[in-house]
Amino acid sequence: HGSNHAIATVVHARAIGVPAGVMIFPQPHSEWADENLHD
């Protein structure tokens, strides 16, 4: 759920008009993971 790859996919797919989805599974909480999950 804190995947950098996941948030990068969503952000850049949207920018070029490609629909995107994300499958996420749990990981330990951290400020970085929680930041990406929020986004």
Full PDB file with SEQRES, HELIX, SHEET, SSBOND, CRYST1, ORIGX, SCALE, CONECT and MASTER records, all heavy atoms in Angstrom:
SEQRES   1 A   39  HIS GLY SER ASN HIS ALA ILE ALA THR VAL VAL HIS ALA          
SEQRES   2 A   39  ARG ALA ILE GLY VAL PRO ALA GLY VAL MET ILE PHE PRO          
SEQRES   3 A   39  GLN PRO HIS SER GLU TRP ALA ASP GLU ASN LEU HIS ASP          
HELIX    1 AA1 ASN A    4  ALA A   15  1                                  12    
HELIX    2 AA2 GLU A   31  HIS A   38  1                                   8    
CRYST1    1.000    1.000    1.000  90.00  90.00  90.00 P 1           1          
ORIGX1      1.000000  0.000000  0.000000        0.00000                         
ORIGX2      0.000000  1.000000  0.000000        0.00000                         
ORIGX3      0.000000  0.000000  1.000000        0.00000                         
SCALE1      1.000000  0.000000  0.000000        0.00000                         
SCALE2      0.000000  1.000000  0.000000        0.00000                         
SCALE3      0.000000  0.000000  1.000000        0.00000                         
ATOM      1  N   HIS A   1       0.810  -1.224   0.000  1.00  0.00           N  
ATOM      2  CA  HIS A   1       0.000   0.000   0.000  1.00  0.00           C  
ATOM      3  C   HIS A   1       0.842   1.272   0.000  1.00  0.00           C  
ATOM      4  O   HIS A   1       0.334   2.360  -0.262  1.00  0.00           O  
ATOM      5  CB  HIS A   1      -1.044  -0.007   1.126  1.00  0.00           C  
ATOM      6  CG  HIS A   1      -0.539   0.254   2.505  1.00  0.00           C  
ATOM      7  ND1 HIS A   1      -0.963  -0.467   3.595  1.00  0.00           N  
ATOM      8  CD2 HIS A   1       0.323   1.177   3.007  1.00  0.00           C  
ATOM      9  CE1 HIS A   1      -0.380  -0.017   4.685  1.00  0.00           C  
ATOM     10  NE2 HIS A   1       0.404   0.973   4.357  1.00  0.00           N  
ATOM     11  N   GLY A   2       2.146   1.140   0.229  1.00  0.00           N  
ATOM     12  CA  GLY A   2       3.036   2.286   0.115  1.00  0.00           C  
ATOM     13  C   GLY A   2       3.877   2.262  -1.143  1.00  0.00           C  
ATOM     14  O   GLY A   2       4.897   2.956  -1.234  1.00  0.00           O  
ATOM     15  N   SER A   3       3.457   1.515  -2.139  1.00  0.00           N  
ATOM     16  CA  SER A   3       4.255   1.292  -3.341  1.00  0.00           C  
ATOM     17  C   SER A   3       4.503   2.576  -4.125  1.00  0.00           C  
ATOM     18  O   SER A   3       3.566   3.267  -4.541  1.00  0.00           O  
ATOM     19  CB  SER A   3       3.535   0.280  -4.244  1.00  0.00           C  
ATOM     20  OG  SER A   3       4.091   0.259  -5.534  1.00  0.00           O  
ATOM     21  N   ASN A   4       5.777   2.881  -4.356  1.00  0.00           N  
ATOM     22  CA  ASN A   4       6.129   3.995  -5.238  1.00  0.00           C  
ATOM     23  C   ASN A   4       5.704   3.696  -6.676  1.00  0.00           C  
ATOM     24  O   ASN A   4       5.291   4.593  -7.410  1.00  0.00           O  
ATOM     25  CB  ASN A   4       7.634   4.251  -5.191  1.00  0.00           C  
ATOM     26  CG  ASN A   4       8.109   4.747  -3.843  1.00  0.00           C  
ATOM     27  OD1 ASN A   4       7.505   5.632  -3.238  1.00  0.00           O  
ATOM     28  ND2 ASN A   4       9.185   4.164  -3.347  1.00  0.00           N  
ATOM     29  N   HIS A   5       5.831   2.439  -7.077  1.00  0.00           N  
ATOM     30  CA  HIS A   5       5.447   2.050  -8.438  1.00  0.00           C  
ATOM     31  C   HIS A   5       3.956   2.281  -8.666  1.00  0.00           C  
ATOM     32  O   HIS A   5       3.550   2.749  -9.747  1.00  0.00           O  
ATOM     33  CB  HIS A   5       5.795   0.575  -8.650  1.00  0.00           C  
ATOM     34  CG  HIS A   5       5.394   0.047  -9.989  1.00  0.00           C  
ATOM     35  ND1 HIS A   5       5.998   0.425 -11.162  1.00  0.00           N  
ATOM     36  CD2 HIS A   5       4.432  -0.848 -10.335  1.00  0.00           C  
ATOM     37  CE1 HIS A   5       5.439  -0.204 -12.173  1.00  0.00           C  
ATOM     38  NE2 HIS A   5       4.490  -0.989 -11.708  1.00  0.00           N  
ATOM     39  N   ALA A   6       3.138   1.984  -7.655  1.00  0.00           N  
ATOM     40  CA  ALA A   6       1.693   2.137  -7.805  1.00  0.00           C  
ATOM     41  C   ALA A   6       1.305   3.600  -7.993  1.00  0.00           C  
ATOM     42  O   ALA A   6       0.543   3.942  -8.909  1.00  0.00           O  
ATOM     43  CB  ALA A   6       0.978   1.535  -6.593  1.00  0.00           C  
ATOM     44  N   ILE A   7       1.815   4.470  -7.130  1.00  0.00           N  
ATOM     45  CA  ILE A   7       1.434   5.884  -7.252  1.00  0.00           C  
ATOM     46  C   ILE A   7       2.008   6.476  -8.528  1.00  0.00           C  
ATOM     47  O   ILE A   7       1.362   7.288  -9.197  1.00  0.00           O  
ATOM     48  CB  ILE A   7       1.851   6.678  -5.989  1.00  0.00           C  
ATOM     49  CG1 ILE A   7       1.260   8.086  -6.026  1.00  0.00           C  
ATOM     50  CG2 ILE A   7       3.338   6.723  -5.795  1.00  0.00           C  
ATOM     51  CD1 ILE A   7      -0.249   8.143  -5.951  1.00  0.00           C  
ATOM     52  N   ALA A   8       3.208   6.058  -8.923  1.00  0.00           N  
ATOM     53  CA  ALA A   8       3.781   6.559 -10.183  1.00  0.00           C  
ATOM     54  C   ALA A   8       2.918   6.145 -11.366  1.00  0.00           C  
ATOM     55  O   ALA A   8       2.706   6.928 -12.308  1.00  0.00           O  
ATOM     56  CB  ALA A   8       5.202   6.039 -10.350  1.00  0.00           C  
ATOM     57  N   THR A   9       2.406   4.913 -11.347  1.00  0.00           N  
ATOM     58  CA  THR A   9       1.549   4.445 -12.437  1.00  0.00           C  
ATOM     59  C   THR A   9       0.307   5.302 -12.553  1.00  0.00           C  
ATOM     60  O   THR A   9      -0.061   5.756 -13.648  1.00  0.00           O  
ATOM     61  CB  THR A   9       1.151   2.974 -12.201  1.00  0.00           C  
ATOM     62  OG1 THR A   9       2.324   2.159 -12.163  1.00  0.00           O  
ATOM     63  CG2 THR A   9       0.216   2.473 -13.302  1.00  0.00           C  
ATOM     64  N   VAL A  10      -0.356   5.540 -11.440  1.00  0.00           N  
ATOM     65  CA  VAL A  10      -1.602   6.305 -11.456  1.00  0.00           C  
ATOM     66  C   VAL A  10      -1.364   7.720 -11.960  1.00  0.00           C  
ATOM     67  O   VAL A  10      -2.091   8.230 -12.833  1.00  0.00           O  
ATOM     68  CB  VAL A  10      -2.217   6.323 -10.042  1.00  0.00           C  
ATOM     69  CG1 VAL A  10      -3.354   7.322  -9.959  1.00  0.00           C  
ATOM     70  CG2 VAL A  10      -2.690   4.929  -9.656  1.00  0.00           C  
ATOM     71  N   VAL A  11      -0.339   8.376 -11.448  1.00  0.00           N  
ATOM     72  CA  VAL A  11      -0.071   9.769 -11.797  1.00  0.00           C  
ATOM     73  C   VAL A  11       0.281   9.913 -13.274  1.00  0.00           C  
ATOM     74  O   VAL A  11      -0.260  10.774 -13.986  1.00  0.00           O  
ATOM     75  CB  VAL A  11       1.064  10.326 -10.909  1.00  0.00           C  
ATOM     76  CG1 VAL A  11       1.561  11.668 -11.426  1.00  0.00           C  
ATOM     77  CG2 VAL A  11       0.593  10.457  -9.468  1.00  0.00           C  
ATOM     78  N   HIS A  12       1.163   9.060 -13.771  1.00  0.00           N  
ATOM     79  CA  HIS A  12       1.624   9.227 -15.144  1.00  0.00           C  
ATOM     80  C   HIS A  12       0.656   8.648 -16.165  1.00  0.00           C  
ATOM     81  O   HIS A  12       0.571   9.155 -17.294  1.00  0.00           O  
ATOM     82  CB  HIS A  12       3.025   8.647 -15.288  1.00  0.00           C  
ATOM     83  CG  HIS A  12       4.062   9.487 -14.612  1.00  0.00           C  
ATOM     84  ND1 HIS A  12       4.555  10.636 -15.171  1.00  0.00           N  
ATOM     85  CD2 HIS A  12       4.652   9.380 -13.391  1.00  0.00           C  
ATOM     86  CE1 HIS A  12       5.427  11.192 -14.352  1.00  0.00           C  
ATOM     87  NE2 HIS A  12       5.509  10.451 -13.264  1.00  0.00           N  
ATOM     88  N   ALA A  13      -0.082   7.610 -15.802  1.00  0.00           N  
ATOM     89  CA  ALA A  13      -1.113   7.112 -16.714  1.00  0.00           C  
ATOM     90  C   ALA A  13      -2.167   8.185 -16.946  1.00  0.00           C  
ATOM     91  O   ALA A  13      -2.586   8.427 -18.091  1.00  0.00           O  
ATOM     92  CB  ALA A  13      -1.745   5.844 -16.142  1.00  0.00           C  
ATOM     93  N   ARG A  14      -2.584   8.835 -15.879  1.00  0.00           N  
ATOM     94  CA  ARG A  14      -3.588   9.892 -16.020  1.00  0.00           C  
ATOM     95  C   ARG A  14      -3.068  11.015 -16.925  1.00  0.00           C  
ATOM     96  O   ARG A  14      -3.816  11.559 -17.749  1.00  0.00           O  
ATOM     97  CB  ARG A  14      -3.939  10.447 -14.642  1.00  0.00           C  
ATOM     98  CG  ARG A  14      -4.883  11.640 -14.679  1.00  0.00           C  
ATOM     99  CD  ARG A  14      -5.191  12.127 -13.277  1.00  0.00           C  
ATOM    100  NE  ARG A  14      -5.950  11.124 -12.544  1.00  0.00           N  
ATOM    101  CZ  ARG A  14      -6.061  11.115 -11.222  1.00  0.00           C  
ATOM    102  NH1 ARG A  14      -5.429  12.002 -10.492  1.00  0.00           N  
ATOM    103  NH2 ARG A  14      -6.788  10.182 -10.631  1.00  0.00           N  
ATOM    104  N   ALA A  15      -1.795  11.355 -16.791  1.00  0.00           N  
ATOM    105  CA  ALA A  15      -1.231  12.470 -17.557  1.00  0.00           C  
ATOM    106  C   ALA A  15      -1.254  12.214 -19.058  1.00  0.00           C  
ATOM    107  O   ALA A  15      -1.296  13.165 -19.851  1.00  0.00           O  
ATOM    108  CB  ALA A  15       0.196  12.744 -17.093  1.00  0.00           C  
ATOM    109  N   ILE A  16      -1.216  10.937 -19.466  1.00  0.00           N  
ATOM    110  CA  ILE A  16      -1.212  10.641 -20.911  1.00  0.00           C  
ATOM    111  C   ILE A  16      -2.518   9.987 -21.362  1.00  0.00           C  
ATOM    112  O   ILE A  16      -2.609   9.462 -22.475  1.00  0.00           O  
ATOM    113  CB  ILE A  16      -0.007   9.768 -21.301  1.00  0.00           C  
ATOM    114  CG1 ILE A  16      -0.072   8.390 -20.639  1.00  0.00           C  
ATOM    115  CG2 ILE A  16       1.303  10.460 -20.961  1.00  0.00           C  
ATOM    116  CD1 ILE A  16       0.965   7.406 -21.200  1.00  0.00           C  
ATOM    117  N   GLY A  17      -3.532  10.024 -20.505  1.00  0.00           N  
ATOM    118  CA  GLY A  17      -4.851   9.551 -20.900  1.00  0.00           C  
ATOM    119  C   GLY A  17      -5.042   8.057 -20.900  1.00  0.00           C  
ATOM    120  O   GLY A  17      -5.923   7.537 -21.586  1.00  0.00           O  
ATOM    121  N   VAL A  18      -4.234   7.334 -20.106  1.00  0.00           N  
ATOM    122  CA  VAL A  18      -4.375   5.878 -19.995  1.00  0.00           C  
ATOM    123  C   VAL A  18      -5.104   5.562 -18.692  1.00  0.00           C  
ATOM    124  O   VAL A  18      -4.656   5.976 -17.620  1.00  0.00           O  
ATOM    125  CB  VAL A  18      -2.998   5.187 -20.008  1.00  0.00           C  
ATOM    126  CG1 VAL A  18      -3.129   3.706 -19.692  1.00  0.00           C  
ATOM    127  CG2 VAL A  18      -2.319   5.381 -21.357  1.00  0.00           C  
ATOM    128  N   PRO A  19      -6.223   4.833 -18.738  1.00  0.00           N  
ATOM    129  CA  PRO A  19      -6.888   4.457 -17.491  1.00  0.00           C  
ATOM    130  C   PRO A  19      -6.026   3.485 -16.689  1.00  0.00           C  
ATOM    131  O   PRO A  19      -5.334   2.631 -17.260  1.00  0.00           O  
ATOM    132  CB  PRO A  19      -8.194   3.803 -17.946  1.00  0.00           C  
ATOM    133  CG  PRO A  19      -7.938   3.380 -19.353  1.00  0.00           C  
ATOM    134  CD  PRO A  19      -6.940   4.344 -19.929  1.00  0.00           C  
ATOM    135  N   ALA A  20      -6.055   3.632 -15.362  1.00  0.00           N  
ATOM    136  CA  ALA A  20      -5.172   2.829 -14.511  1.00  0.00           C  
ATOM    137  C   ALA A  20      -5.917   2.343 -13.284  1.00  0.00           C  
ATOM    138  O   ALA A  20      -6.862   2.974 -12.800  1.00  0.00           O  
ATOM    139  CB  ALA A  20      -3.952   3.642 -14.085  1.00  0.00           C  
ATOM    140  N   GLY A  21      -5.476   1.201 -12.795  1.00  0.00           N  
ATOM    141  CA  GLY A  21      -5.964   0.659 -11.536  1.00  0.00           C  
ATOM    142  C   GLY A  21      -4.793   0.137 -10.729  1.00  0.00           C  
ATOM    143  O   GLY A  21      -3.699  -0.078 -11.256  1.00  0.00           O  
ATOM    144  N   VAL A  22      -5.027  -0.075  -9.443  1.00  0.00           N  
ATOM    145  CA  VAL A  22      -3.969  -0.511  -8.533  1.00  0.00           C  
ATOM    146  C   VAL A  22      -4.512  -1.603  -7.631  1.00  0.00           C  
ATOM    147  O   VAL A  22      -5.607  -1.477  -7.073  1.00  0.00           O  
ATOM    148  CB  VAL A  22      -3.452   0.662  -7.677  1.00  0.00           C  
ATOM    149  CG1 VAL A  22      -2.431   0.172  -6.658  1.00  0.00           C  
ATOM    150  CG2 VAL A  22      -2.840   1.742  -8.552  1.00  0.00           C  
ATOM    151  N   MET A  23      -3.748  -2.689  -7.500  1.00  0.00           N  
ATOM    152  CA  MET A  23      -4.014  -3.723  -6.494  1.00  0.00           C  
ATOM    153  C   MET A  23      -2.971  -3.558  -5.396  1.00  0.00           C  
ATOM    154  O   MET A  23      -1.769  -3.584  -5.691  1.00  0.00           O  
ATOM    155  CB  MET A  23      -3.893  -5.118  -7.100  1.00  0.00           C  
ATOM    156  CG  MET A  23      -4.801  -5.387  -8.263  1.00  0.00           C  
ATOM    157  SD  MET A  23      -4.488  -7.051  -8.952  1.00  0.00           S  
ATOM    158  CE  MET A  23      -5.066  -6.795 -10.629  1.00  0.00           C  
ATOM    159  N   ILE A  24      -3.429  -3.387  -4.166  1.00  0.00           N  
ATOM    160  CA  ILE A  24      -2.484  -3.173  -3.073  1.00  0.00           C  
ATOM    161  C   ILE A  24      -2.747  -4.147  -1.933  1.00  0.00           C  
ATOM    162  O   ILE A  24      -3.874  -4.571  -1.700  1.00  0.00           O  
ATOM    163  CB  ILE A  24      -2.542  -1.727  -2.537  1.00  0.00           C  
ATOM    164  CG1 ILE A  24      -3.967  -1.334  -2.125  1.00  0.00           C  
ATOM    165  CG2 ILE A  24      -1.993  -0.746  -3.564  1.00  0.00           C  
ATOM    166  CD1 ILE A  24      -4.049   0.023  -1.435  1.00  0.00           C  
ATOM    167  N   PHE A  25      -1.654  -4.507  -1.251  1.00  0.00           N  
ATOM    168  CA  PHE A  25      -1.740  -5.381  -0.087  1.00  0.00           C  
ATOM    169  C   PHE A  25      -1.041  -4.686   1.083  1.00  0.00           C  
ATOM    170  O   PHE A  25      -0.254  -3.757   0.890  1.00  0.00           O  
ATOM    171  CB  PHE A  25      -1.121  -6.745  -0.379  1.00  0.00           C  
ATOM    172  CG  PHE A  25       0.233  -6.697  -1.035  1.00  0.00           C  
ATOM    173  CD1 PHE A  25       1.390  -6.509  -0.289  1.00  0.00           C  
ATOM    174  CD2 PHE A  25       0.356  -6.832  -2.418  1.00  0.00           C  
ATOM    175  CE1 PHE A  25       2.635  -6.456  -0.893  1.00  0.00           C  
ATOM    176  CE2 PHE A  25       1.602  -6.778  -3.036  1.00  0.00           C  
ATOM    177  CZ  PHE A  25       2.741  -6.591  -2.271  1.00  0.00           C  
ATOM    178  N   PRO A  26      -1.322  -5.106   2.323  1.00  0.00           N  
ATOM    179  CA  PRO A  26      -0.806  -4.380   3.489  1.00  0.00           C  
ATOM    180  C   PRO A  26       0.714  -4.451   3.625  1.00  0.00           C  
ATOM    181  O   PRO A  26       1.363  -5.394   3.167  1.00  0.00           O  
ATOM    182  CB  PRO A  26      -1.481  -5.075   4.677  1.00  0.00           C  
ATOM    183  CG  PRO A  26      -2.662  -5.779   4.100  1.00  0.00           C  
ATOM    184  CD  PRO A  26      -2.254  -6.180   2.714  1.00  0.00           C  
ATOM    185  N   GLN A  27       1.273  -3.437   4.265  1.00  0.00           N  
ATOM    186  CA  GLN A  27       2.671  -3.415   4.663  1.00  0.00           C  
ATOM    187  C   GLN A  27       2.763  -2.673   5.989  1.00  0.00           C  
ATOM    188  O   GLN A  27       1.809  -2.007   6.399  1.00  0.00           O  
ATOM    189  CB  GLN A  27       3.543  -2.712   3.611  1.00  0.00           C  
ATOM    190  CG  GLN A  27       3.408  -1.198   3.557  1.00  0.00           C  
ATOM    191  CD  GLN A  27       4.422  -0.571   2.625  1.00  0.00           C  
ATOM    192  OE1 GLN A  27       4.225  -0.547   1.412  1.00  0.00           O  
ATOM    193  NE2 GLN A  27       5.502  -0.048   3.183  1.00  0.00           N  
ATOM    194  N   PRO A  28       3.895  -2.770   6.698  1.00  0.00           N  
ATOM    195  CA  PRO A  28       4.032  -2.033   7.963  1.00  0.00           C  
ATOM    196  C   PRO A  28       3.862  -0.531   7.743  1.00  0.00           C  
ATOM    197  O   PRO A  28       4.271   0.016   6.715  1.00  0.00           O  
ATOM    198  CB  PRO A  28       5.454  -2.371   8.410  1.00  0.00           C  
ATOM    199  CG  PRO A  28       5.758  -3.679   7.764  1.00  0.00           C  
ATOM    200  CD  PRO A  28       5.054  -3.641   6.445  1.00  0.00           C  
ATOM    201  N   HIS A  29       3.285   0.124   8.720  1.00  0.00           N  
ATOM    202  CA  HIS A  29       3.065   1.565   8.618  1.00  0.00           C  
ATOM    203  C   HIS A  29       4.399   2.314   8.729  1.00  0.00           C  
ATOM    204  O   HIS A  29       5.288   1.941   9.490  1.00  0.00           O  
ATOM    205  CB  HIS A  29       2.119   2.039   9.726  1.00  0.00           C  
ATOM    206  CG  HIS A  29       0.697   1.610   9.507  1.00  0.00           C  
ATOM    207  ND1 HIS A  29      -0.110   2.171   8.549  1.00  0.00           N  
ATOM    208  CD2 HIS A  29      -0.054   0.662  10.119  1.00  0.00           C  
ATOM    209  CE1 HIS A  29      -1.296   1.588   8.579  1.00  0.00           C  
ATOM    210  NE2 HIS A  29      -1.284   0.662   9.529  1.00  0.00           N  
ATOM    211  N   SER A  30       4.506   3.361   7.936  1.00  0.00           N  
ATOM    212  CA  SER A  30       5.615   4.310   8.033  1.00  0.00           C  
ATOM    213  C   SER A  30       5.122   5.601   7.401  1.00  0.00           C  
ATOM    214  O   SER A  30       4.115   5.608   6.689  1.00  0.00           O  
ATOM    215  CB  SER A  30       6.858   3.794   7.289  1.00  0.00           C  
ATOM    216  OG  SER A  30       6.630   3.788   5.890  1.00  0.00           O  
ATOM    217  N   GLU A  31       5.826   6.684   7.628  1.00  0.00           N  
ATOM    218  CA  GLU A  31       5.380   7.959   7.044  1.00  0.00           C  
ATOM    219  C   GLU A  31       5.384   7.898   5.523  1.00  0.00           C  
ATOM    220  O   GLU A  31       4.530   8.488   4.857  1.00  0.00           O  
ATOM    221  CB  GLU A  31       6.256   9.117   7.525  1.00  0.00           C  
ATOM    222  CG  GLU A  31       7.702   9.059   7.072  1.00  0.00           C  
ATOM    223  CD  GLU A  31       8.484  10.315   7.441  1.00  0.00           C  
ATOM    224  OE1 GLU A  31       8.309  11.326   6.748  1.00  0.00           O  
ATOM    225  OE2 GLU A  31       9.252  10.272   8.413  1.00  0.00           O  
ATOM    226  N   TRP A  32       6.322   7.150   4.940  1.00  0.00           N  
ATOM    227  CA  TRP A  32       6.434   7.083   3.488  1.00  0.00           C  
ATOM    228  C   TRP A  32       5.318   6.218   2.902  1.00  0.00           C  
ATOM    229  O   TRP A  32       4.709   6.594   1.903  1.00  0.00           O  
ATOM    230  CB  TRP A  32       7.807   6.526   3.107  1.00  0.00           C  
ATOM    231  CG  TRP A  32       8.912   7.298   3.738  1.00  0.00           C  
ATOM    232  CD1 TRP A  32       9.464   8.471   3.285  1.00  0.00           C  
ATOM    233  CD2 TRP A  32       9.572   6.989   4.965  1.00  0.00           C  
ATOM    234  NE1 TRP A  32      10.441   8.896   4.152  1.00  0.00           N  
ATOM    235  CE2 TRP A  32      10.539   8.006   5.194  1.00  0.00           C  
ATOM    236  CE3 TRP A  32       9.471   5.958   5.894  1.00  0.00           C  
ATOM    237  CZ2 TRP A  32      11.369   8.013   6.304  1.00  0.00           C  
ATOM    238  CZ3 TRP A  32      10.297   5.963   7.000  1.00  0.00           C  
ATOM    239  CH2 TRP A  32      11.232   6.982   7.198  1.00  0.00           C  
ATOM    240  N   ALA A  33       5.053   5.076   3.534  1.00  0.00           N  
ATOM    241  CA  ALA A  33       3.989   4.197   3.046  1.00  0.00           C  
ATOM    242  C   ALA A  33       2.631   4.867   3.204  1.00  0.00           C  
ATOM    243  O   ALA A  33       1.793   4.822   2.292  1.00  0.00           O  
ATOM    244  CB  ALA A  33       4.027   2.872   3.797  1.00  0.00           C  
ATOM    245  N   ASP A  34       2.407   5.487   4.357  1.00  0.00           N  
ATOM    246  CA  ASP A  34       1.116   6.119   4.598  1.00  0.00           C  
ATOM    247  C   ASP A  34       0.896   7.312   3.659  1.00  0.00           C  
ATOM    248  O   ASP A  34      -0.228   7.574   3.230  1.00  0.00           O  
ATOM    249  CB  ASP A  34       1.012   6.564   6.054  1.00  0.00           C  
ATOM    250  CG  ASP A  34       0.959   5.382   7.020  1.00  0.00           C  
ATOM    251  OD1 ASP A  34       0.768   4.244   6.561  1.00  0.00           O  
ATOM    252  OD2 ASP A  34       1.125   5.603   8.240  1.00  0.00           O  
ATOM    253  N   GLU A  35       1.959   8.013   3.322  1.00  0.00           N  
ATOM    254  CA  GLU A  35       1.876   9.124   2.368  1.00  0.00           C  
ATOM    255  C   GLU A  35       1.428   8.624   1.008  1.00  0.00           C  
ATOM    256  O   GLU A  35       0.529   9.199   0.381  1.00  0.00           O  
ATOM    257  CB  GLU A  35       3.255   9.783   2.272  1.00  0.00           C  
ATOM    258  CG  GLU A  35       3.388  10.915   1.282  1.00  0.00           C  
ATOM    259  CD  GLU A  35       4.821  11.419   1.234  1.00  0.00           C  
ATOM    260  OE1 GLU A  35       5.236  12.143   2.166  1.00  0.00           O  
ATOM    261  OE2 GLU A  35       5.543  11.067   0.271  1.00  0.00           O  
ATOM    262  N   ASN A  36       2.018   7.534   0.542  1.00  0.00           N  
ATOM    263  CA  ASN A  36       1.631   6.991  -0.761  1.00  0.00           C  
ATOM    264  C   ASN A  36       0.219   6.431  -0.750  1.00  0.00           C  
ATOM    265  O   ASN A  36      -0.537   6.581  -1.717  1.00  0.00           O  
ATOM    266  CB  ASN A  36       2.618   5.908  -1.195  1.00  0.00           C  
ATOM    267  CG  ASN A  36       3.904   6.483  -1.764  1.00  0.00           C  
ATOM    268  OD1 ASN A  36       4.070   7.690  -1.865  1.00  0.00           O  
ATOM    269  ND2 ASN A  36       4.830   5.607  -2.122  1.00  0.00           N  
ATOM    270  N   LEU A  37      -0.165   5.769   0.341  1.00  0.00           N  
ATOM    271  CA  LEU A  37      -1.513   5.229   0.440  1.00  0.00           C  
ATOM    272  C   LEU A  37      -2.541   6.356   0.399  1.00  0.00           C  
ATOM    273  O   LEU A  37      -3.575   6.247  -0.283  1.00  0.00           O  
ATOM    274  CB  LEU A  37      -1.671   4.413   1.721  1.00  0.00           C  
ATOM    275  CG  LEU A  37      -3.067   3.819   1.958  1.00  0.00           C  
ATOM    276  CD1 LEU A  37      -3.454   2.865   0.831  1.00  0.00           C  
ATOM    277  CD2 LEU A  37      -3.123   3.111   3.310  1.00  0.00           C  
ATOM    278  N   HIS A  38      -2.266   7.436   1.092  1.00  0.00           N  
ATOM    279  CA  HIS A  38      -3.176   8.586   1.073  1.00  0.00           C  
ATOM    280  C   HIS A  38      -3.327   9.129  -0.346  1.00  0.00           C  
ATOM    281  O   HIS A  38      -4.433   9.424  -0.810  1.00  0.00           O  
ATOM    282  CB  HIS A  38      -2.648   9.684   2.000  1.00  0.00           C  
ATOM    283  CG  HIS A  38      -3.449  10.953   1.940  1.00  0.00           C  
ATOM    284  ND1 HIS A  38      -3.134  11.981   1.060  1.00  0.00           N  
ATOM    285  CD2 HIS A  38      -4.552  11.359   2.625  1.00  0.00           C  
ATOM    286  CE1 HIS A  38      -4.015  12.956   1.210  1.00  0.00           C  
ATOM    287  NE2 HIS A  38      -4.875  12.610   2.145  1.00  0.00           N  
ATOM    288  N   ASP A  39      -2.214   9.231  -1.054  1.00  0.00           N  
ATOM    289  CA  ASP A  39      -2.268   9.758  -2.421  1.00  0.00           C  
ATOM    290  C   ASP A  39      -3.020   8.813  -3.352  1.00  0.00           C  
ATOM    291  O   ASP A  39      -3.756   9.261  -4.237  1.00  0.00           O  
ATOM    292  CB  ASP A  39      -0.854  10.009  -2.945  1.00  0.00           C  
ATOM    293  CG  ASP A  39      -0.174  11.185  -2.250  1.00  0.00           C  
ATOM    294  OD1 ASP A  39      -0.895  12.085  -1.772  1.00  0.00           O  
ATOM    295  OD2 ASP A  39       1.073  11.196  -2.174  1.00  0.00           O  
TER     296      ASP A  39                                                      
MASTER        0    0    0    2    0    0    0    6  295    1    0    3          
END                                                                             
